Structure formats: C-alpha cells, structure tokens
Amino acid sequence: MLLIGAALVSSSCGFVDEKRFARSVDSMEKAARIAEPSDGTRERPQAIGSFTFDDVHREGDLVYFKLGDHSGVDPYGYVWSPKRRPIDDAEDAVASSFEHVQGHWYRWSDSY
C-alpha cells in the first residue's frame, strides 16, 4: 500500500510540473529572448510564470533557467535552445544532460 501511495505522489508531482511548465512557457520564452550572459559572480532569482528560478542567464545560444540544485552543487532546470538540440556532454569537470520537453525547450541537469 505504501508503494502505491509513493507512486501516486511521484506521478502527480510530474503532472504538476508539466502543468506549471505549460502555464509558464510563453513568459519563459519572452524572458529567454532578452536574457543576458551571466557574469558568474551572483545569481539573480526571478519569478517567471508559475516558477521562481534561482537564475536565468545566456551561455552562447542557450538560455538556462535554473530551478535549483542537488546537494548544493548539481544545478537543474530548463534550457531554451532555438537553434539546435543541446548536446549531452561528459567533460572532465561536469556532465550535462538534456531531455526534450517541447519545441525549443529541454529539461537540463549538470552533475559535478
């Protein structure tokens, strides 16, 4: 019974995130189009749509919407990439992964 309850909570959280994303995507795209590169010195929390992001910044042609981090070091959130599909990479210092959500949007996570 406990296992069924945990599965319901897990699936409902994903459903809630999908709904929040659907309500927020237009506002997020507007923010992505005007995002500036990060100077790397501080994060600037921003409320956009139904989310509050720890930081929104541009790196080349990608715009990162950071929702949080795991254990204080592994950031995650969404990426807007209108020109290309972001590439999963596994450099020496960080492994980035991207999962397509819709259109130019991807879920993103880094692992250090």
N, C-alpha and C. Protein backbone atom coordinates (compact mmCIF):
# COMPACT_ATOMS: atom_id res chain seq x y z
N MET A 1 0.82 -1.19 0.00
CA MET A 1 0.00 0.00 0.00
C MET A 1 0.86 1.26 0.00
N LEU A 2 1.93 1.24 0.78
CA LEU A 2 2.85 2.38 0.84
C LEU A 2 3.48 2.62 -0.53
N LEU A 3 3.84 1.56 -1.22
CA LEU A 3 4.43 1.67 -2.55
C LEU A 3 3.47 2.34 -3.54
N ILE A 4 2.20 2.01 -3.47
CA ILE A 4 1.20 2.62 -4.35
C ILE A 4 1.08 4.11 -4.04
N GLY A 5 1.06 4.47 -2.76
CA GLY A 5 0.99 5.88 -2.37
C GLY A 5 2.20 6.66 -2.87
N ALA A 6 3.38 6.08 -2.78
CA ALA A 6 4.60 6.75 -3.25
C ALA A 6 4.55 6.93 -4.76
N ALA A 7 4.05 5.94 -5.48
CA ALA A 7 3.94 6.04 -6.93
C ALA A 7 2.96 7.14 -7.32
N LEU A 8 1.86 7.26 -6.61
CA LEU A 8 0.88 8.31 -6.91
C LEU A 8 1.46 9.69 -6.66
N VAL A 9 2.20 9.85 -5.55
CA VAL A 9 2.81 11.15 -5.26
C VAL A 9 3.83 11.48 -6.33
N SER A 10 4.65 10.52 -6.71
CA SER A 10 5.67 10.75 -7.73
C SER A 10 5.06 11.14 -9.07
N SER A 11 4.03 10.41 -9.50
CA SER A 11 3.43 10.72 -10.80
C SER A 11 2.67 12.04 -10.75
N SER A 12 2.06 12.36 -9.62
CA SER A 12 1.32 13.62 -9.56
C SER A 12 2.26 14.81 -9.55
N CYS A 13 3.45 14.69 -8.95
CA CYS A 13 4.42 15.78 -8.97
C CYS A 13 4.86 16.06 -10.40
N GLY A 14 5.10 15.03 -11.19
CA GLY A 14 5.47 15.22 -12.59
C GLY A 14 4.34 15.91 -13.35
N PHE A 15 3.12 15.51 -13.07
CA PHE A 15 1.96 16.12 -13.73
C PHE A 15 1.85 17.59 -13.36
N VAL A 16 2.08 17.91 -12.08
CA VAL A 16 2.03 19.31 -11.64
C VAL A 16 3.10 20.13 -12.34
N ASP A 17 4.32 19.59 -12.44
CA ASP A 17 5.40 20.31 -13.13
C ASP A 17 5.05 20.53 -14.60
N GLU A 18 4.46 19.54 -15.25
CA GLU A 18 4.05 19.71 -16.65
C GLU A 18 3.02 20.82 -16.79
N LYS A 19 2.07 20.87 -15.87
CA LYS A 19 1.05 21.92 -15.91
C LYS A 19 1.67 23.29 -15.66
N ARG A 20 2.56 23.37 -14.69
CA ARG A 20 3.24 24.65 -14.40
C ARG A 20 4.05 25.10 -15.61
N PHE A 21 4.74 24.16 -16.26
CA PHE A 21 5.52 24.50 -17.44
C PHE A 21 4.59 25.02 -18.55
N ALA A 22 3.49 24.33 -18.78
CA ALA A 22 2.54 24.74 -19.84
C ALA A 22 2.01 26.16 -19.57
N ARG A 23 1.73 26.48 -18.32
CA ARG A 23 1.24 27.82 -17.98
C ARG A 23 2.35 28.87 -18.07
N SER A 24 3.60 28.46 -17.97
CA SER A 24 4.72 29.39 -17.88
C SER A 24 5.49 29.57 -19.18
N VAL A 25 5.34 28.68 -20.13
CA VAL A 25 6.24 28.64 -21.29
C VAL A 25 6.26 29.95 -22.09
N ASP A 26 5.13 30.62 -22.26
CA ASP A 26 5.13 31.88 -23.01
C ASP A 26 5.94 32.96 -22.29
N SER A 27 5.77 33.07 -20.99
CA SER A 27 6.54 34.04 -20.20
C SER A 27 8.02 33.68 -20.20
N MET A 28 8.32 32.39 -20.12
CA MET A 28 9.71 31.94 -20.13
C MET A 28 10.38 32.28 -21.47
N GLU A 29 9.65 32.10 -22.57
CA GLU A 29 10.25 32.41 -23.87
C GLU A 29 10.52 33.90 -24.01
N LYS A 30 9.62 34.74 -23.51
CA LYS A 30 9.87 36.19 -23.53
C LYS A 30 11.14 36.52 -22.75
N ALA A 31 11.29 35.91 -21.59
CA ALA A 31 12.49 36.14 -20.78
C ALA A 31 13.74 35.62 -21.48
N ALA A 32 13.63 34.49 -22.16
CA ALA A 32 14.78 33.90 -22.87
C ALA A 32 15.27 34.83 -23.97
N ARG A 33 14.36 35.46 -24.66
CA ARG A 33 14.75 36.33 -25.78
C ARG A 33 15.53 37.57 -25.33
N ILE A 34 15.38 37.97 -24.06
CA ILE A 34 16.10 39.16 -23.59
C ILE A 34 17.17 38.82 -22.56
N ALA A 35 17.39 37.53 -22.29
CA ALA A 35 18.38 37.12 -21.28
C ALA A 35 19.78 37.56 -21.67
N GLU A 36 20.54 37.92 -20.65
CA GLU A 36 21.92 38.37 -20.85
C GLU A 36 22.88 37.31 -20.33
N PRO A 37 24.13 37.37 -20.81
CA PRO A 37 25.13 36.43 -20.28
C PRO A 37 25.35 36.66 -18.79
N SER A 38 25.68 35.60 -18.09
CA SER A 38 25.97 35.70 -16.65
C SER A 38 27.40 36.19 -16.47
N ASP A 39 27.61 37.03 -15.46
CA ASP A 39 28.98 37.44 -15.16
C ASP A 39 29.63 36.46 -14.19
N GLY A 40 28.87 35.46 -13.75
CA GLY A 40 29.40 34.41 -12.89
C GLY A 40 29.60 34.80 -11.44
N THR A 41 29.26 36.02 -11.06
CA THR A 41 29.51 36.45 -9.68
C THR A 41 28.31 36.28 -8.77
N ARG A 42 27.10 36.24 -9.32
CA ARG A 42 25.93 36.08 -8.46
C ARG A 42 24.75 35.59 -9.28
N GLU A 43 23.84 34.94 -8.58
CA GLU A 43 22.59 34.52 -9.22
C GLU A 43 21.54 35.58 -8.93
N ARG A 44 20.59 35.72 -9.85
CA ARG A 44 19.51 36.69 -9.68
C ARG A 44 18.18 35.95 -9.76
N PRO A 45 17.57 35.65 -8.60
CA PRO A 45 16.27 34.95 -8.61
C PRO A 45 15.22 35.75 -9.38
N GLN A 46 14.38 35.04 -10.12
CA GLN A 46 13.33 35.68 -10.91
C GLN A 46 12.07 34.83 -10.89
N ALA A 47 10.93 35.48 -10.68
CA ALA A 47 9.63 34.81 -10.80
C ALA A 47 9.17 34.99 -12.24
N ILE A 48 8.97 33.86 -12.93
CA ILE A 48 8.53 33.87 -14.32
C ILE A 48 7.42 32.83 -14.45
N GLY A 49 6.25 33.26 -14.86
CA GLY A 49 5.13 32.34 -14.95
C GLY A 49 4.83 31.74 -13.58
N SER A 50 4.70 30.43 -13.51
CA SER A 50 4.40 29.73 -12.26
C SER A 50 5.65 29.27 -11.51
N PHE A 51 6.83 29.64 -11.99
CA PHE A 51 8.08 29.22 -11.38
C PHE A 51 8.82 30.40 -10.77
N THR A 52 9.64 30.11 -9.78
CA THR A 52 10.65 31.05 -9.32
C THR A 52 11.99 30.39 -9.59
N PHE A 53 12.76 31.01 -10.48
CA PHE A 53 14.06 30.46 -10.87
C PHE A 53 15.15 31.10 -10.03
N ASP A 54 16.14 30.29 -9.65
CA ASP A 54 17.30 30.82 -8.91
C ASP A 54 18.10 31.76 -9.79
N ASP A 55 18.12 31.48 -11.09
CA ASP A 55 18.89 32.30 -12.02
C ASP A 55 18.41 32.02 -13.44
N VAL A 56 18.51 33.04 -14.28
CA VAL A 56 18.24 32.91 -15.72
C VAL A 56 19.39 33.62 -16.42
N HIS A 57 20.10 32.88 -17.28
CA HIS A 57 21.22 33.51 -17.98
C HIS A 57 21.48 32.82 -19.31
N ARG A 58 22.16 33.55 -20.17
CA ARG A 58 22.52 33.08 -21.51
C ARG A 58 23.96 32.58 -21.50
N GLU A 59 24.17 31.44 -22.15
CA GLU A 59 25.51 30.92 -22.43
C GLU A 59 25.54 30.60 -23.92
N GLY A 60 26.12 31.48 -24.72
CA GLY A 60 26.11 31.31 -26.17
C GLY A 60 24.69 31.41 -26.68
N ASP A 61 24.23 30.38 -27.40
CA ASP A 61 22.86 30.41 -27.93
C ASP A 61 21.86 29.66 -27.05
N LEU A 62 22.28 29.27 -25.84
CA LEU A 62 21.40 28.60 -24.89
C LEU A 62 21.05 29.54 -23.75
N VAL A 63 19.80 29.46 -23.27
CA VAL A 63 19.40 30.23 -22.10
C VAL A 63 18.98 29.24 -21.02
N TYR A 64 19.64 29.34 -19.86
CA TYR A 64 19.43 28.45 -18.73
C TYR A 64 18.47 29.07 -17.72
N PHE A 65 17.48 28.28 -17.29
CA PHE A 65 16.52 28.66 -16.27
C PHE A 65 16.76 27.71 -15.09
N LYS A 66 17.53 28.12 -14.12
CA LYS A 66 17.92 27.26 -13.01
C LYS A 66 16.83 27.23 -11.94
N LEU A 67 16.27 26.04 -11.71
CA LEU A 67 15.24 25.86 -10.68
C LEU A 67 15.86 25.60 -9.31
N GLY A 68 17.01 24.98 -9.27
CA GLY A 68 17.65 24.64 -8.01
C GLY A 68 18.89 23.83 -8.25
N ASP A 69 19.34 23.15 -7.18
CA ASP A 69 20.49 22.27 -7.31
C ASP A 69 20.34 21.13 -6.31
N HIS A 70 21.03 20.03 -6.60
CA HIS A 70 21.03 18.87 -5.72
C HIS A 70 22.29 18.94 -4.87
N SER A 71 22.14 18.89 -3.59
CA SER A 71 23.28 18.89 -2.66
C SER A 71 24.14 20.14 -2.79
N GLY A 72 23.57 21.21 -3.30
CA GLY A 72 24.30 22.47 -3.39
C GLY A 72 25.27 22.59 -4.55
N VAL A 73 25.39 21.54 -5.38
CA VAL A 73 26.38 21.60 -6.47
C VAL A 73 25.87 21.20 -7.84
N ASP A 74 24.82 20.44 -7.93
CA ASP A 74 24.36 19.92 -9.22
C ASP A 74 23.10 20.66 -9.67
N PRO A 75 23.25 21.73 -10.47
CA PRO A 75 22.09 22.53 -10.87
C PRO A 75 21.19 21.81 -11.86
N TYR A 76 19.90 22.21 -11.86
CA TYR A 76 18.93 21.65 -12.79
C TYR A 76 17.87 22.70 -13.11
N GLY A 77 17.15 22.47 -14.19
CA GLY A 77 16.08 23.37 -14.59
C GLY A 77 15.69 23.13 -16.03
N TYR A 78 15.51 24.23 -16.76
CA TYR A 78 15.13 24.18 -18.17
C TYR A 78 16.15 24.95 -19.00
N VAL A 79 16.26 24.58 -20.26
CA VAL A 79 17.10 25.30 -21.22
C VAL A 79 16.26 25.60 -22.44
N TRP A 80 16.40 26.83 -22.94
CA TRP A 80 15.78 27.25 -24.20
C TRP A 80 16.88 27.25 -25.25
N SER A 81 16.69 26.49 -26.31
CA SER A 81 17.69 26.37 -27.36
C SER A 81 17.01 26.43 -28.72
N PRO A 82 16.85 27.64 -29.28
CA PRO A 82 16.10 27.78 -30.52
C PRO A 82 16.86 27.37 -31.78
N LYS A 83 18.18 27.25 -31.71
CA LYS A 83 18.97 26.97 -32.93
C LYS A 83 19.37 25.52 -33.10
N ARG A 84 19.46 24.80 -31.99
CA ARG A 84 19.96 23.42 -32.07
C ARG A 84 19.56 22.64 -30.83
N ARG A 85 19.62 21.33 -30.96
CA ARG A 85 19.39 20.47 -29.79
C ARG A 85 20.66 20.51 -28.94
N PRO A 86 20.53 20.83 -27.65
CA PRO A 86 21.74 20.83 -26.80
C PRO A 86 22.35 19.43 -26.76
N ILE A 87 23.64 19.38 -26.59
CA ILE A 87 24.35 18.11 -26.62
C ILE A 87 24.68 17.67 -25.20
N ASP A 88 24.29 16.43 -24.87
CA ASP A 88 24.72 15.84 -23.61
C ASP A 88 26.23 15.73 -23.67
N ASP A 89 26.90 16.16 -22.62
CA ASP A 89 28.35 16.04 -22.63
C ASP A 89 28.83 15.52 -21.29
N ALA A 90 30.01 15.00 -21.31
CA ALA A 90 30.62 14.46 -20.10
C ALA A 90 32.07 14.93 -20.06
N GLU A 91 32.25 16.23 -19.88
CA GLU A 91 33.60 16.77 -19.76
C GLU A 91 34.20 16.28 -18.45
N ASP A 92 35.48 16.58 -18.24
CA ASP A 92 36.14 16.15 -17.01
C ASP A 92 35.47 16.71 -15.76
N ALA A 93 35.07 17.99 -15.81
CA ALA A 93 34.56 18.65 -14.61
C ALA A 93 33.04 18.50 -14.43
N VAL A 94 32.29 18.40 -15.53
CA VAL A 94 30.83 18.39 -15.41
C VAL A 94 30.21 17.53 -16.50
N ALA A 95 29.13 16.85 -16.16
CA ALA A 95 28.34 16.10 -17.14
C ALA A 95 26.99 16.78 -17.24
N SER A 96 26.67 17.29 -18.42
CA SER A 96 25.37 17.94 -18.65
C SER A 96 24.46 17.00 -19.41
N SER A 97 23.18 16.99 -19.03
CA SER A 97 22.22 16.18 -19.78
C SER A 97 20.98 17.02 -20.07
N PHE A 98 20.36 16.73 -21.22
CA PHE A 98 19.20 17.47 -21.69
C PHE A 98 18.14 16.49 -22.16
N GLU A 99 16.89 16.76 -21.78
CA GLU A 99 15.75 15.94 -22.19
C GLU A 99 14.72 16.86 -22.84
N HIS A 100 14.33 16.55 -24.08
CA HIS A 100 13.40 17.40 -24.81
C HIS A 100 12.04 17.43 -24.11
N VAL A 101 11.49 18.65 -23.98
CA VAL A 101 10.16 18.82 -23.38
C VAL A 101 9.16 19.13 -24.48
N GLN A 102 9.41 20.25 -25.20
CA GLN A 102 8.57 20.62 -26.35
C GLN A 102 9.26 21.77 -27.08
N GLY A 103 9.02 21.87 -28.36
CA GLY A 103 9.58 22.98 -29.14
C GLY A 103 11.06 23.16 -28.91
N HIS A 104 11.45 24.35 -28.46
CA HIS A 104 12.86 24.68 -28.20
C HIS A 104 13.24 24.47 -26.74
N TRP A 105 12.44 23.74 -25.99
CA TRP A 105 12.63 23.60 -24.54
C TRP A 105 13.12 22.22 -24.15
N TYR A 106 14.06 22.20 -23.17
CA TYR A 106 14.67 20.97 -22.67
C TYR A 106 14.77 21.04 -21.15
N ARG A 107 14.59 19.89 -20.50
CA ARG A 107 14.97 19.79 -19.08
C ARG A 107 16.47 19.62 -19.07
N TRP A 108 17.11 20.23 -18.08
CA TRP A 108 18.57 20.20 -18.02
C TRP A 108 19.03 19.88 -16.60
N SER A 109 20.14 19.16 -16.52
CA SER A 109 20.80 18.94 -15.23
C SER A 109 22.30 18.79 -15.46
N ASP A 110 23.06 19.26 -14.51
CA ASP A 110 24.52 19.11 -14.51
C ASP A 110 24.90 18.25 -13.32
N SER A 111 25.94 17.46 -13.50
CA SER A 111 26.45 16.64 -12.41
C SER A 111 27.96 16.87 -12.33
N TYR A 112 28.40 17.35 -11.18
CA TYR A 112 29.83 17.63 -10.98
C TYR A 112 30.50 16.51 -10.23
